[in-house]
Amino acid sequence: MGLRAARAATIEALRTGNFDHEVGETRAEKNLLAIGGVSLDEVIDLLRRSRGDDYRESPHHWDRTVSVHVFTPQVDGHRWYIKVYFIDGFGETATFISAHR
């Protein structure tokens, strides 16, 4: 899919409220978006700062047919990790695994 398509779809999901968070016992500290540690606008800004070297796509560990999009922009000396996937492809609900530095 590539950086541009993944970034655009993720930003659109955030803007429209079409997103959810993956549930997990240890995910709260790794998903600052889920617990209010970062705002939607801050995550959108981080996504916009992501460049080609700050993006990769890999299969999800529980379903290898699902692509996880990993954005790792560096801002103010801190590396951020934003992991998100779309079960039914772009345009559907984005599910955030993590948003942390």
Foldseek 3Di string as FASTA:
>chain_A
DDLVLVLVLVLVCLVVVQAEEDDDDPQCVFACPVVVVDDSVVVNVQSVQFDRVQWDWAADPVGRVWIKIWGWGADPNDTWTWIWTDPVDRPHYIYTRGTGD
